[in-house]
């Protein structure tokens, strides 16, 4: 009975996929590098957002060798706007490793793939099954949602116990010889039919075997651990301008927005107009005279929210370094920035 159920799941799913699978620029390619890039971009990012970035990336870095020899600035510039910038830095590091240790060819062994920066269990499984046709399971957010509904999993999907259950199900129901199509079919089903809210159960090819649907609890799956409230921080930022140049600060290589450029800033407690000058002196040893307000920018990151008050400033005492650099206002596009600082840069462009 269990074997028949497995065959029913994979047969119905693959039949549906052949008729309804999404047309995507990386689908049908026989280039593991392109598939790798797409899988990294798709981590925590919607397909419609990824497609234009993928197309531009492949034009700019068409192969591992080209990427490996690129500068971090060029890579971050190409990635700007996609967020989670450690993905871009890890792609660069992994490409350099592949060029040096694997003659520019992605390794086909799952364990060797997982040794590359930025490739975890999910991405290794996706690459192995899609790019190399190996019988390997994978488990992204779409697959998690589909499996928790198909098998009515009540254990939190983002817990260690839930992860184990879902990986076991992914491996158990994998059709030998068709893992790549099967994994992509589950991704498409989760993206188009088994969506987070108001799933389109009437269009699903697996309704007869969906345990959550049978109990009427499909919208209550997956169960997730309670989320912590995101803290809200306030910052003041200074666009320090002298003649036609503005001062930029480079963020540390590791951590949030690592290696990106920003306008000097710091956290404040209450009154941005009064605190800005002291904040910049404390954080950067910069002495400035605050000028006109440029705007207020609000942004939500994964773990916190921020409100940034930006001001135009005049320099009083400035010491530049490798991480503090004067650049021409017209060159701001050449320096990769996060969304908040890009908005400040665009405000400055409007004033030129």
C-alpha atoms as a PDB file:
ATOM      1  CA  UNK A   1       0.000   0.000   0.000  1.00  0.00           C
ATOM      2  CA  UNK A   2       2.778   2.431   0.947  1.00  0.00           C
ATOM      3  CA  UNK A   3       4.616   1.714  -2.320  1.00  0.00           C
ATOM      4  CA  UNK A   4       1.463   2.361  -4.337  1.00  0.00           C
ATOM      5  CA  UNK A   5       0.983   5.662  -2.500  1.00  0.00           C
ATOM      6  CA  UNK A   6       4.537   6.727  -3.324  1.00  0.00           C
ATOM      7  CA  UNK A   7       4.039   5.837  -6.976  1.00  0.00           C
ATOM      8  CA  UNK A   8       0.717   7.673  -7.019  1.00  0.00           C
ATOM      9  CA  UNK A   9       2.316  10.812  -5.613  1.00  0.00           C
ATOM     10  CA  UNK A  10       5.269  10.917  -8.005  1.00  0.00           C
ATOM     11  CA  UNK A  11       3.292   9.771 -11.082  1.00  0.00           C
ATOM     12  CA  UNK A  12       0.537  12.336 -10.621  1.00  0.00           C
ATOM     13  CA  UNK A  13       3.003  15.062  -9.792  1.00  0.00           C
ATOM     14  CA  UNK A  14       5.289  14.409 -12.776  1.00  0.00           C
ATOM     15  CA  UNK A  15       2.298  14.184 -15.135  1.00  0.00           C
ATOM     16  CA  UNK A  16       1.083  17.543 -13.846  1.00  0.00           C
ATOM     17  CA  UNK A  17       4.586  19.023 -14.145  1.00  0.00           C
ATOM     18  CA  UNK A  18       4.973  18.033 -17.789  1.00  0.00           C
ATOM     19  CA  UNK A  19       1.875  20.085 -18.610  1.00  0.00           C
ATOM     20  CA  UNK A  20       2.136  22.894 -16.076  1.00  0.00           C
ATOM     21  CA  UNK A  21       5.792  23.400 -15.183  1.00  0.00           C
ATOM     22  CA  UNK A  22       7.001  26.981 -15.182  1.00  0.00           C
ATOM     23  CA  UNK A  23       9.081  28.303 -18.070  1.00  0.00           C
ATOM     24  CA  UNK A  24      12.160  29.800 -16.425  1.00  0.00           C
ATOM     25  CA  UNK A  25      15.431  31.022 -17.981  1.00  0.00           C
ATOM     26  CA  UNK A  26      17.505  28.404 -16.139  1.00  0.00           C
ATOM     27  CA  UNK A  27      15.165  25.499 -16.896  1.00  0.00           C
ATOM     28  CA  UNK A  28      16.309  23.082 -19.544  1.00  0.00           C
ATOM     29  CA  UNK A  29      19.885  24.333 -19.429  1.00  0.00           C
ATOM     30  CA  UNK A  30      22.717  21.805 -19.276  1.00  0.00           C
ATOM     31  CA  UNK A  31      25.004  24.243 -17.500  1.00  0.00           C
ATOM     32  CA  UNK A  32      25.503  23.392 -13.804  1.00  0.00           C
ATOM     33  CA  UNK A  33      26.911  26.873 -13.207  1.00  0.00           C
ATOM     34  CA  UNK A  34      23.699  28.557 -14.400  1.00  0.00           C
ATOM     35  CA  UNK A  35      21.591  26.224 -12.272  1.00  0.00           C
ATOM     36  CA  UNK A  36      23.840  26.915  -9.282  1.00  0.00           C
ATOM     37  CA  UNK A  37      23.478  30.697  -9.722  1.00  0.00           C
ATOM     38  CA  UNK A  38      19.702  30.384  -9.993  1.00  0.00           C
ATOM     39  CA  UNK A  39      19.440  28.250  -6.861  1.00  0.00           C
ATOM     40  CA  UNK A  40      21.514  30.700  -4.830  1.00  0.00           C
ATOM     41  CA  UNK A  41      19.469  33.659  -6.076  1.00  0.00           C
ATOM     42  CA  UNK A  42      16.220  31.856  -5.298  1.00  0.00           C
ATOM     43  CA  UNK A  43      17.109  31.433  -1.635  1.00  0.00           C
ATOM     44  CA  UNK A  44      14.562  33.592   0.227  1.00  0.00           C
ATOM     45  CA  UNK A  45      13.775  35.521  -2.973  1.00  0.00           C
ATOM     46  CA  UNK A  46      10.741  35.310  -5.269  1.00  0.00           C
ATOM     47  CA  UNK A  47      11.149  33.962  -8.814  1.00  0.00           C
ATOM     48  CA  UNK A  48       9.819  37.093 -10.492  1.00  0.00           C
ATOM     49  CA  UNK A  49      12.435  39.156  -8.646  1.00  0.00           C
ATOM     50  CA  UNK A  50      15.236  36.752  -9.544  1.00  0.00           C
ATOM     51  CA  UNK A  51      14.635  36.451 -13.304  1.00  0.00           C
ATOM     52  CA  UNK A  52      16.003  39.870 -14.408  1.00  0.00           C
ATOM     53  CA  UNK A  53      18.936  39.573 -11.999  1.00  0.00           C
ATOM     54  CA  UNK A  54      19.743  36.091 -13.308  1.00  0.00           C
ATOM     55  CA  UNK A  55      19.685  37.237 -16.928  1.00  0.00           C
ATOM     56  CA  UNK A  56      21.963  40.212 -16.225  1.00  0.00           C
ATOM     57  CA  UNK A  57      24.280  38.108 -14.070  1.00  0.00           C
ATOM     58  CA  UNK A  58      24.748  35.499 -16.797  1.00  0.00           C
ATOM     59  CA  UNK A  59      25.591  38.218 -19.298  1.00  0.00           C
ATOM     60  CA  UNK A  60      28.122  39.757 -16.938  1.00  0.00           C
ATOM     61  CA  UNK A  61      29.554  36.526 -15.459  1.00  0.00           C
ATOM     62  CA  UNK A  62      28.752  33.817 -18.046  1.00  0.00           C
ATOM     63  CA  UNK A  63      30.898  31.104 -16.456  1.00  0.00           C
ATOM     64  CA  UNK A  64      32.788  30.146 -13.314  1.00  0.00           C
ATOM     65  CA  UNK A  65      36.103  31.439 -14.648  1.00  0.00           C
ATOM     66  CA  UNK A  66      34.696  34.907 -15.338  1.00  0.00           C
ATOM     67  CA  UNK A  67      33.065  35.070 -11.916  1.00  0.00           C
ATOM     68  CA  UNK A  68      36.153  33.811 -10.083  1.00  0.00           C
ATOM     69  CA  UNK A  69      38.264  36.584 -11.601  1.00  0.00           C
ATOM     70  CA  UNK A  70      35.763  39.365 -10.865  1.00  0.00           C
ATOM     71  CA  UNK A  71      36.222  41.850  -8.038  1.00  0.00           C
ATOM     72  CA  UNK A  72      33.987  41.773  -4.978  1.00  0.00           C
ATOM     73  CA  UNK A  73      32.769  45.262  -5.866  1.00  0.00           C
ATOM     74  CA  UNK A  74      31.646  44.122  -9.331  1.00  0.00           C
ATOM     75  CA  UNK A  75      29.891  41.104  -7.846  1.00  0.00           C
ATOM     76  CA  UNK A  76      28.097  43.137  -5.183  1.00  0.00           C
ATOM     77  CA  UNK A  77      27.106  45.729  -7.776  1.00  0.00           C
ATOM     78  CA  UNK A  78      25.492  43.012  -9.900  1.00  0.00           C
ATOM     79  CA  UNK A  79      23.711  41.661  -6.822  1.00  0.00           C
ATOM     80  CA  UNK A  80      22.522  45.010  -5.459  1.00  0.00           C
ATOM     81  CA  UNK A  81      18.796  44.936  -4.715  1.00  0.00           C
ATOM     82  CA  UNK A  82      18.534  41.161  -4.218  1.00  0.00           C
ATOM     83  CA  UNK A  83      19.452  41.368  -0.539  1.00  0.00           C
ATOM     84  CA  UNK A  84      21.164  38.759   1.646  1.00  0.00           C
ATOM     85  CA  UNK A  85      24.511  39.841   0.214  1.00  0.00           C
ATOM     86  CA  UNK A  86      26.465  37.034   1.831  1.00  0.00           C
ATOM     87  CA  UNK A  87      25.050  34.917  -1.018  1.00  0.00           C
ATOM     88  CA  UNK A  88      26.950  36.997  -3.570  1.00  0.00           C
ATOM     89  CA  UNK A  89      30.179  36.966  -1.571  1.00  0.00           C
ATOM     90  CA  UNK A  90      29.917  33.203  -1.132  1.00  0.00           C
ATOM     91  CA  UNK A  91      29.292  32.711  -4.855  1.00  0.00           C
ATOM     92  CA  UNK A  92      32.522  34.574  -5.560  1.00  0.00           C
ATOM     93  CA  UNK A  93      34.498  32.594  -2.966  1.00  0.00           C
ATOM     94  CA  UNK A  94      33.053  29.299  -4.189  1.00  0.00           C
ATOM     95  CA  UNK A  95      33.836  30.129  -7.821  1.00  0.00           C
ATOM     96  CA  UNK A  96      37.439  30.915  -6.875  1.00  0.00           C
ATOM     97  CA  UNK A  97      37.676  27.597  -5.010  1.00  0.00           C
ATOM     98  CA  UNK A  98      36.169  25.652  -7.925  1.00  0.00           C
ATOM     99  CA  UNK A  99      38.585  27.281 -10.362  1.00  0.00           C
ATOM    100  CA  UNK A 100      41.585  26.508  -8.166  1.00  0.00           C
ATOM    101  CA  UNK A 101      40.643  23.048  -6.877  1.00  0.00           C
ATOM    102  CA  UNK A 102      38.292  21.592  -9.514  1.00  0.00           C
ATOM    103  CA  UNK A 103      39.607  23.065 -12.782  1.00  0.00           C
ATOM    104  CA  UNK A 104      36.563  25.328 -13.087  1.00  0.00           C
ATOM    105  CA  UNK A 105      33.998  22.492 -13.008  1.00  0.00           C
ATOM    106  CA  UNK A 106      31.458  22.173 -10.206  1.00  0.00           C
ATOM    107  CA  UNK A 107      32.010  18.884  -8.354  1.00  0.00           C
ATOM    108  CA  UNK A 108      29.202  16.341  -8.731  1.00  0.00           C
ATOM    109  CA  UNK A 109      29.700  14.770  -5.328  1.00  0.00           C
ATOM    110  CA  UNK A 110      27.117  16.025  -2.810  1.00  0.00           C
ATOM    111  CA  UNK A 111      29.614  16.203   0.055  1.00  0.00           C
ATOM    112  CA  UNK A 112      32.067  18.193  -2.058  1.00  0.00           C
ATOM    113  CA  UNK A 113      29.267  20.555  -3.089  1.00  0.00           C
ATOM    114  CA  UNK A 114      28.385  21.136   0.565  1.00  0.00           C
ATOM    115  CA  UNK A 115      31.995  22.073   1.269  1.00  0.00           C
ATOM    116  CA  UNK A 116      31.672  25.087  -1.018  1.00  0.00           C
ATOM    117  CA  UNK A 117      30.833  28.452   0.596  1.00  0.00           C
ATOM    118  CA  UNK A 118      27.108  29.159   0.548  1.00  0.00           C
ATOM    119  CA  UNK A 119      26.003  25.644  -0.389  1.00  0.00           C
ATOM    120  CA  UNK A 120      24.062  23.840   2.300  1.00  0.00           C
ATOM    121  CA  UNK A 121      22.046  20.665   2.288  1.00  0.00           C
ATOM    122  CA  UNK A 122      19.132  22.114   0.309  1.00  0.00           C
ATOM    123  CA  UNK A 123      21.241  23.709  -2.445  1.00  0.00           C
ATOM    124  CA  UNK A 124      23.489  20.642  -2.735  1.00  0.00           C
ATOM    125  CA  UNK A 125      20.437  18.428  -3.192  1.00  0.00           C
ATOM    126  CA  UNK A 126      18.902  20.761  -5.769  1.00  0.00           C
ATOM    127  CA  UNK A 127      22.158  20.988  -7.728  1.00  0.00           C
ATOM    128  CA  UNK A 128      22.818  17.259  -7.583  1.00  0.00           C
ATOM    129  CA  UNK A 129      19.324  16.343  -8.781  1.00  0.00           C
ATOM    130  CA  UNK A 130      18.726  19.090 -11.346  1.00  0.00           C
ATOM    131  CA  UNK A 131      22.203  19.718 -12.746  1.00  0.00           C
ATOM    132  CA  UNK A 132      23.725  16.240 -12.396  1.00  0.00           C
ATOM    133  CA  UNK A 133      20.598  14.000 -12.536  1.00  0.00           C
ATOM    134  CA  UNK A 134      21.473  12.303  -9.249  1.00  0.00           C
ATOM    135  CA  UNK A 135      18.843  10.750  -6.985  1.00  0.00           C
ATOM    136  CA  UNK A 136      19.062  13.356  -4.247  1.00  0.00           C
ATOM    137  CA  UNK A 137      16.246  14.967  -2.251  1.00  0.00           C
ATOM    138  CA  UNK A 138      16.014  18.661  -1.544  1.00  0.00           C
ATOM    139  CA  UNK A 139      13.852  20.784   0.714  1.00  0.00           C
ATOM    140  CA  UNK A 140      13.092  24.452   0.124  1.00  0.00           C
ATOM    141  CA  UNK A 141      10.217  26.507   1.555  1.00  0.00           C
ATOM    142  CA  UNK A 142       7.848  25.279  -1.154  1.00  0.00           C
ATOM    143  CA  UNK A 143       8.637  21.618  -0.546  1.00  0.00           C
ATOM    144  CA  UNK A 144       8.282  22.088   3.205  1.00  0.00           C
ATOM    145  CA  UNK A 145       4.810  23.529   2.748  1.00  0.00           C
ATOM    146  CA  UNK A 146       3.717  20.813   0.316  1.00  0.00           C
ATOM    147  CA  UNK A 147       4.943  17.950   2.504  1.00  0.00           C
ATOM    148  CA  UNK A 148       3.490  19.365   5.717  1.00  0.00           C
ATOM    149  CA  UNK A 149       0.097  19.496   4.013  1.00  0.00           C
ATOM    150  CA  UNK A 150       0.298  16.199   2.143  1.00  0.00           C
ATOM    151  CA  UNK A 151       1.208  14.331   5.335  1.00  0.00           C
ATOM    152  CA  UNK A 152      -0.452  16.698   7.845  1.00  0.00           C
ATOM    153  CA  UNK A 153       2.738  17.293   9.831  1.00  0.00           C
ATOM    154  CA  UNK A 154       1.881  18.903  13.170  1.00  0.00           C
ATOM    155  CA  UNK A 155       5.482  19.251  14.364  1.00  0.00           C
ATOM    156  CA  UNK A 156       6.853  22.783  13.678  1.00  0.00           C
ATOM    157  CA  UNK A 157       8.501  22.666  10.257  1.00  0.00           C
ATOM    158  CA  UNK A 158      11.292  24.984  11.394  1.00  0.00           C
ATOM    159  CA  UNK A 159      12.272  22.810  14.360  1.00  0.00           C
ATOM    160  CA  UNK A 160      15.003  20.160  14.336  1.00  0.00           C
ATOM    161  CA  UNK A 161      12.387  17.408  14.695  1.00  0.00           C
ATOM    162  CA  UNK A 162      10.287  18.874  11.900  1.00  0.00           C
ATOM    163  CA  UNK A 163      13.304  19.199   9.609  1.00  0.00           C
ATOM    164  CA  UNK A 164      14.168  15.531  10.125  1.00  0.00           C
ATOM    165  CA  UNK A 165      10.626  14.406   9.346  1.00  0.00           C
ATOM    166  CA  UNK A 166      10.491  16.490   6.173  1.00  0.00           C
ATOM    167  CA  UNK A 167      13.910  15.405   4.893  1.00  0.00           C
ATOM    168  CA  UNK A 168      12.934  11.778   5.506  1.00  0.00           C
ATOM    169  CA  UNK A 169       9.711  12.287   3.526  1.00  0.00           C
ATOM    170  CA  UNK A 170      11.603  14.024   0.712  1.00  0.00           C
ATOM    171  CA  UNK A 171      13.996  11.076   0.432  1.00  0.00           C
ATOM    172  CA  UNK A 172      11.347   8.389   0.910  1.00  0.00           C
ATOM    173  CA  UNK A 173       9.116   9.568  -1.937  1.00  0.00           C
ATOM    174  CA  UNK A 174      11.878  10.431  -4.412  1.00  0.00           C
ATOM    175  CA  UNK A 175      11.289   8.573  -7.729  1.00  0.00           C
ATOM    176  CA  UNK A 176      14.544   6.988  -8.828  1.00  0.00           C
ATOM    177  CA  UNK A 177      15.859   8.408 -12.077  1.00  0.00           C
ATOM    178  CA  UNK A 178      13.514  11.408 -12.001  1.00  0.00           C
ATOM    179  CA  UNK A 179      14.713  13.335  -8.964  1.00  0.00           C
ATOM    180  CA  UNK A 180      15.412  16.599 -10.804  1.00  0.00           C
ATOM    181  CA  UNK A 181      11.978  16.846 -12.401  1.00  0.00           C
ATOM    182  CA  UNK A 182      10.307  15.648  -9.207  1.00  0.00           C
ATOM    183  CA  UNK A 183      12.017  18.279  -7.057  1.00  0.00           C
ATOM    184  CA  UNK A 184      11.228  21.019  -9.562  1.00  0.00           C
ATOM    185  CA  UNK A 185       7.624  19.813  -9.797  1.00  0.00           C
ATOM    186  CA  UNK A 186       7.263  20.150  -6.023  1.00  0.00           C
ATOM    187  CA  UNK A 187       8.780  23.646  -6.208  1.00  0.00           C
ATOM    188  CA  UNK A 188       6.279  24.660  -8.887  1.00  0.00           C
ATOM    189  CA  UNK A 189       3.356  23.086  -7.054  1.00  0.00           C
ATOM    190  CA  UNK A 190       4.263  25.037  -3.925  1.00  0.00           C
ATOM    191  CA  UNK A 191       4.793  28.259  -5.875  1.00  0.00           C
ATOM    192  CA  UNK A 192       1.606  28.172  -7.963  1.00  0.00           C
ATOM    193  CA  UNK A 193      -0.937  25.850  -6.304  1.00  0.00           C
ATOM    194  CA  UNK A 194      -0.009  24.947  -2.723  1.00  0.00           C
ATOM    195  CA  UNK A 195       0.603  28.583  -1.852  1.00  0.00           C
ATOM    196  CA  UNK A 196       0.884  29.899   1.738  1.00  0.00           C
ATOM    197  CA  UNK A 197      -2.561  31.521   1.913  1.00  0.00           C
ATOM    198  CA  UNK A 198      -5.722  30.387   0.146  1.00  0.00           C
ATOM    199  CA  UNK A 199      -4.123  27.360  -1.552  1.00  0.00           C
ATOM    200  CA  UNK A 200      -5.723  26.429  -4.877  1.00  0.00           C
ATOM    201  CA  UNK A 201      -6.640  22.924  -3.781  1.00  0.00           C
ATOM    202  CA  UNK A 202      -9.192  22.557  -6.587  1.00  0.00           C
ATOM    203  CA  UNK A 203      -6.302  22.690  -9.098  1.00  0.00           C
ATOM    204  CA  UNK A 204      -3.934  20.374  -7.230  1.00  0.00           C
ATOM    205  CA  UNK A 205      -3.131  16.968  -8.736  1.00  0.00           C
ATOM    206  CA  UNK A 206      -2.595  15.506  -5.254  1.00  0.00           C
ATOM    207  CA  UNK A 207      -5.922  16.297  -3.565  1.00  0.00           C
ATOM    208  CA  UNK A 208      -6.851  12.631  -3.130  1.00  0.00           C
ATOM    209  CA  UNK A 209      -3.781  11.928  -1.019  1.00  0.00           C
ATOM    210  CA  UNK A 210      -3.520  15.241   0.867  1.00  0.00           C
ATOM    211  CA  UNK A 211      -4.102  14.482   4.537  1.00  0.00           C
ATOM    212  CA  UNK A 212      -4.379  18.130   5.611  1.00  0.00           C
ATOM    213  CA  UNK A 213      -7.055  18.768   2.978  1.00  0.00           C
ATOM    214  CA  UNK A 214      -8.995  15.704   4.137  1.00  0.00           C
ATOM    215  CA  UNK A 215      -9.096  17.173   7.655  1.00  0.00           C
ATOM    216  CA  UNK A 216      -9.726  20.737   6.437  1.00  0.00           C
ATOM    217  CA  UNK A 217      -6.549  22.077   8.064  1.00  0.00           C
ATOM    218  CA  UNK A 218      -4.466  22.841   4.966  1.00  0.00           C
ATOM    219  CA  UNK A 219      -4.270  26.555   5.802  1.00  0.00           C
ATOM    220  CA  UNK A 220      -2.959  25.682   9.277  1.00  0.00           C
ATOM    221  CA  UNK A 221       0.069  23.918   7.778  1.00  0.00           C
ATOM    222  CA  UNK A 222       2.944  24.280   8.042  1.00  0.00           C
ATOM    223  CA  UNK A 223       3.071  24.755  11.786  1.00  0.00           C
ATOM    224  CA  UNK A 224       5.922  27.118  12.679  1.00  0.00           C
ATOM    225  CA  UNK A 225       7.613  28.071  15.924  1.00  0.00           C
ATOM    226  CA  UNK A 226       6.400  31.407  17.369  1.00  0.00           C
ATOM    227  CA  UNK A 227       8.325  34.334  15.919  1.00  0.00           C
ATOM    228  CA  UNK A 228      10.060  36.843  18.110  1.00  0.00           C
ATOM    229  CA  UNK A 229       9.119  40.493  17.735  1.00  0.00           C
ATOM    230  CA  UNK A 230      11.608  42.365  15.561  1.00  0.00           C
ATOM    231  CA  UNK A 231      13.269  45.282  17.372  1.00  0.00           C
ATOM    232  CA  UNK A 232      13.024  48.729  15.800  1.00  0.00           C
ATOM    233  CA  UNK A 233      16.172  50.853  15.686  1.00  0.00           C
ATOM    234  CA  UNK A 234      16.640  54.528  14.829  1.00  0.00           C
ATOM    235  CA  UNK A 235      19.694  55.874  13.034  1.00  0.00           C
ATOM    236  CA  UNK A 236      21.080  59.165  11.801  1.00  0.00           C
ATOM    237  CA  UNK A 237      23.140  59.286   8.603  1.00  0.00           C
ATOM    238  CA  UNK A 238      25.233  62.070   7.134  1.00  0.00           C
ATOM    239  CA  UNK A 239      25.827  62.802   3.470  1.00  0.00           C
ATOM    240  CA  UNK A 240      29.082  64.706   4.003  1.00  0.00           C
ATOM    241  CA  UNK A 241      29.660  66.778   0.887  1.00  0.00           C
ATOM    242  CA  UNK A 242      32.623  68.897  -0.163  1.00  0.00           C
ATOM    243  CA  UNK A 243      32.433  70.526  -3.587  1.00  0.00           C
ATOM    244  CA  UNK A 244      31.376  67.650  -5.893  1.00  0.00           C
ATOM    245  CA  UNK A 245      32.456  64.793  -3.629  1.00  0.00           C
ATOM    246  CA  UNK A 246      30.720  62.839  -0.885  1.00  0.00           C
ATOM    247  CA  UNK A 247      32.204  60.665   1.846  1.00  0.00           C
ATOM    248  CA  UNK A 248      31.323  56.958   1.873  1.00  0.00           C
ATOM    249  CA  UNK A 249      32.134  54.327   4.494  1.00  0.00           C
ATOM    250  CA  UNK A 250      32.762  50.674   3.689  1.00  0.00           C
ATOM    251  CA  UNK A 251      31.089  48.120   5.935  1.00  0.00           C
ATOM    252  CA  UNK A 252      33.088  45.248   7.470  1.00  0.00           C
ATOM    253  CA  UNK A 253      33.518  42.223   5.202  1.00  0.00           C
ATOM    254  CA  UNK A 254      31.453  39.985   7.474  1.00  0.00           C
ATOM    255  CA  UNK A 255      27.956  40.545   8.781  1.00  0.00           C
ATOM    256  CA  UNK A 256      24.954  42.448   7.471  1.00  0.00           C
ATOM    257  CA  UNK A 257      25.645  44.106   4.093  1.00  0.00           C
ATOM    258  CA  UNK A 258      29.273  42.995   4.349  1.00  0.00           C
ATOM    259  CA  UNK A 259      31.583  44.820   1.952  1.00  0.00           C
ATOM    260  CA  UNK A 260      28.885  47.282   0.879  1.00  0.00           C
ATOM    261  CA  UNK A 261      29.252  51.066   1.024  1.00  0.00           C
ATOM    262  CA  UNK A 262      27.112  53.437   3.065  1.00  0.00           C
ATOM    263  CA  UNK A 263      26.828  57.015   4.260  1.00  0.00           C
ATOM    264  CA  UNK A 264      28.401  57.377   7.716  1.00  0.00           C
ATOM    265  CA  UNK A 265      25.713  56.675  10.304  1.00  0.00           C
ATOM    266  CA  UNK A 266      24.988  55.433  13.784  1.00  0.00           C
ATOM    267  CA  UNK A 267      22.164  54.515  16.116  1.00  0.00           C
ATOM    268  CA  UNK A 268      20.439  57.267  18.033  1.00  0.00           C
ATOM    269  CA  UNK A 269      18.029  57.454  20.954  1.00  0.00           C
ATOM    270  CA  UNK A 270      15.675  60.374  20.448  1.00  0.00           C
ATOM    271  CA  UNK A 271      16.418  63.489  18.399  1.00  0.00           C
ATOM    272  CA  UNK A 272      18.301  62.834  15.137  1.00  0.00           C
ATOM    273  CA  UNK A 273      19.017  66.496  14.388  1.00  0.00           C
ATOM    274  CA  UNK A 274      20.757  66.915  17.741  1.00  0.00           C
ATOM    275  CA  UNK A 275      22.488  63.560  17.890  1.00  0.00           C
ATOM    276  CA  UNK A 276      23.915  63.284  14.358  1.00  0.00           C
ATOM    277  CA  UNK A 277      27.131  65.217  14.903  1.00  0.00           C
ATOM    278  CA  UNK A 278      28.012  63.394  18.130  1.00  0.00           C
ATOM    279  CA  UNK A 279      27.115  60.052  16.532  1.00  0.00           C
ATOM    280  CA  UNK A 280      29.461  60.531  13.571  1.00  0.00           C
ATOM    281  CA  UNK A 281      32.285  61.669  15.831  1.00  0.00           C
ATOM    282  CA  UNK A 282      31.757  58.667  18.113  1.00  0.00           C
ATOM    283  CA  UNK A 283      31.488  56.079  15.321  1.00  0.00           C
ATOM    284  CA  UNK A 284      33.993  57.438  12.769  1.00  0.00           C
ATOM    285  CA  UNK A 285      35.961  60.249  14.466  1.00  0.00           C
ATOM    286  CA  UNK A 286      34.377  62.623  11.958  1.00  0.00           C
ATOM    287  CA  UNK A 287      33.630  66.230  12.833  1.00  0.00           C
ATOM    288  CA  UNK A 288      30.869  67.703  10.698  1.00  0.00           C
ATOM    289  CA  UNK A 289      28.347  70.528  10.648  1.00  0.00           C
ATOM    290  CA  UNK A 290      24.794  69.312  10.151  1.00  0.00           C
ATOM    291  CA  UNK A 291      22.869  70.893   7.283  1.00  0.00           C
ATOM    292  CA  UNK A 292      19.446  70.334   5.732  1.00  0.00           C
ATOM    293  CA  UNK A 293      17.432  67.186   6.248  1.00  0.00           C
ATOM    294  CA  UNK A 294      17.414  64.924   3.188  1.00  0.00           C
ATOM    295  CA  UNK A 295      14.645  62.566   4.210  1.00  0.00           C
ATOM    296  CA  UNK A 296      13.498  59.706   6.418  1.00  0.00           C
ATOM    297  CA  UNK A 297      13.974  56.147   5.137  1.00  0.00           C
ATOM    298  CA  UNK A 298      12.288  53.132   6.691  1.00  0.00           C
ATOM    299  CA  UNK A 299      13.335  49.557   5.999  1.00  0.00           C
ATOM    300  CA  UNK A 300      12.687  46.107   7.424  1.00  0.00           C
ATOM    301  CA  UNK A 301      15.484  43.540   7.549  1.00  0.00           C
ATOM    302  CA  UNK A 302      15.009  39.896   8.501  1.00  0.00           C
ATOM    303  CA  UNK A 303      15.679  40.394  12.203  1.00  0.00           C
ATOM    304  CA  UNK A 304      15.004  44.086  12.820  1.00  0.00           C
ATOM    305  CA  UNK A 305      13.410  47.254  11.479  1.00  0.00           C
ATOM    306  CA  UNK A 306      15.131  50.591  11.060  1.00  0.00           C
ATOM    307  CA  UNK A 307      14.228  54.236  10.543  1.00  0.00           C
ATOM    308  CA  UNK A 308      17.075  56.342   9.180  1.00  0.00           C
ATOM    309  CA  UNK A 309      17.140  60.156   9.313  1.00  0.00           C
ATOM    310  CA  UNK A 310      19.478  61.473   6.628  1.00  0.00           C
ATOM    311  CA  UNK A 311      21.077  64.921   6.647  1.00  0.00           C
ATOM    312  CA  UNK A 312      23.362  66.827   4.356  1.00  0.00           C
ATOM    313  CA  UNK A 313      26.571  67.784   6.206  1.00  0.00           C
ATOM    314  CA  UNK A 314      29.646  69.956   5.761  1.00  0.00           C
ATOM    315  CA  UNK A 315      33.034  68.519   6.775  1.00  0.00           C
ATOM    316  CA  UNK A 316      35.015  70.137   9.573  1.00  0.00           C
ATOM    317  CA  UNK A 317      37.669  67.508  10.263  1.00  0.00           C
ATOM    318  CA  UNK A 318      37.876  64.364   8.116  1.00  0.00           C
ATOM    319  CA  UNK A 319      40.505  61.627   8.010  1.00  0.00           C
ATOM    320  CA  UNK A 320      40.072  59.203   5.128  1.00  0.00           C
ATOM    321  CA  UNK A 321      41.217  55.567   5.121  1.00  0.00           C
ATOM    322  CA  UNK A 322      40.611  52.315   3.266  1.00  0.00           C
ATOM    323  CA  UNK A 323      37.108  52.293   4.729  1.00  0.00           C
ATOM    324  CA  UNK A 324      36.366  56.037   4.419  1.00  0.00           C
ATOM    325  CA  UNK A 325      36.602  57.387   0.901  1.00  0.00           C
ATOM    326  CA  UNK A 326      35.717  60.575  -0.957  1.00  0.00           C
ATOM    327  CA  UNK A 327      33.981  59.865  -4.253  1.00  0.00           C
ATOM    328  CA  UNK A 328      32.452  62.041  -6.937  1.00  0.00           C
ATOM    329  CA  UNK A 329      28.692  62.399  -6.603  1.00  0.00           C
ATOM    330  CA  UNK A 330      28.247  61.107 -10.160  1.00  0.00           C
ATOM    331  CA  UNK A 331      30.088  57.879  -9.245  1.00  0.00           C
ATOM    332  CA  UNK A 332      27.641  56.718  -6.571  1.00  0.00           C
ATOM    333  CA  UNK A 333      26.195  54.073  -8.895  1.00  0.00           C
ATOM    334  CA  UNK A 334      29.595  52.380  -9.028  1.00  0.00           C
ATOM    335  CA  UNK A 335      29.576  51.623  -5.302  1.00  0.00           C
ATOM    336  CA  UNK A 336      27.315  48.763  -4.122  1.00  0.00           C
ATOM    337  CA  UNK A 337      24.884  49.833  -1.398  1.00  0.00           C
ATOM    338  CA  UNK A 338      21.980  48.497   0.583  1.00  0.00           C
ATOM    339  CA  UNK A 339      18.477  49.800  -0.102  1.00  0.00           C
ATOM    340  CA  UNK A 340      18.541  52.511   2.560  1.00  0.00           C
ATOM    341  CA  UNK A 341      21.776  54.068   1.338  1.00  0.00           C
ATOM    342  CA  UNK A 342      20.750  53.739  -2.304  1.00  0.00           C
ATOM    343  CA  UNK A 343      17.667  55.817  -1.487  1.00  0.00           C
ATOM    344  CA  UNK A 344      19.885  58.473   0.086  1.00  0.00           C
ATOM    345  CA  UNK A 345      22.119  58.394  -3.018  1.00  0.00           C
ATOM    346  CA  UNK A 346      19.080  58.863  -5.247  1.00  0.00           C
ATOM    347  CA  UNK A 347      18.013  61.864  -3.164  1.00  0.00           C
ATOM    348  CA  UNK A 348      21.471  63.366  -3.723  1.00  0.00           C
ATOM    349  CA  UNK A 349      21.242  62.702  -7.472  1.00  0.00           C
ATOM    350  CA  UNK A 350      18.013  64.693  -7.496  1.00  0.00           C
ATOM    351  CA  UNK A 351      19.840  67.659  -5.958  1.00  0.00           C
ATOM    352  CA  UNK A 352      22.720  67.736  -8.458  1.00  0.00           C
END
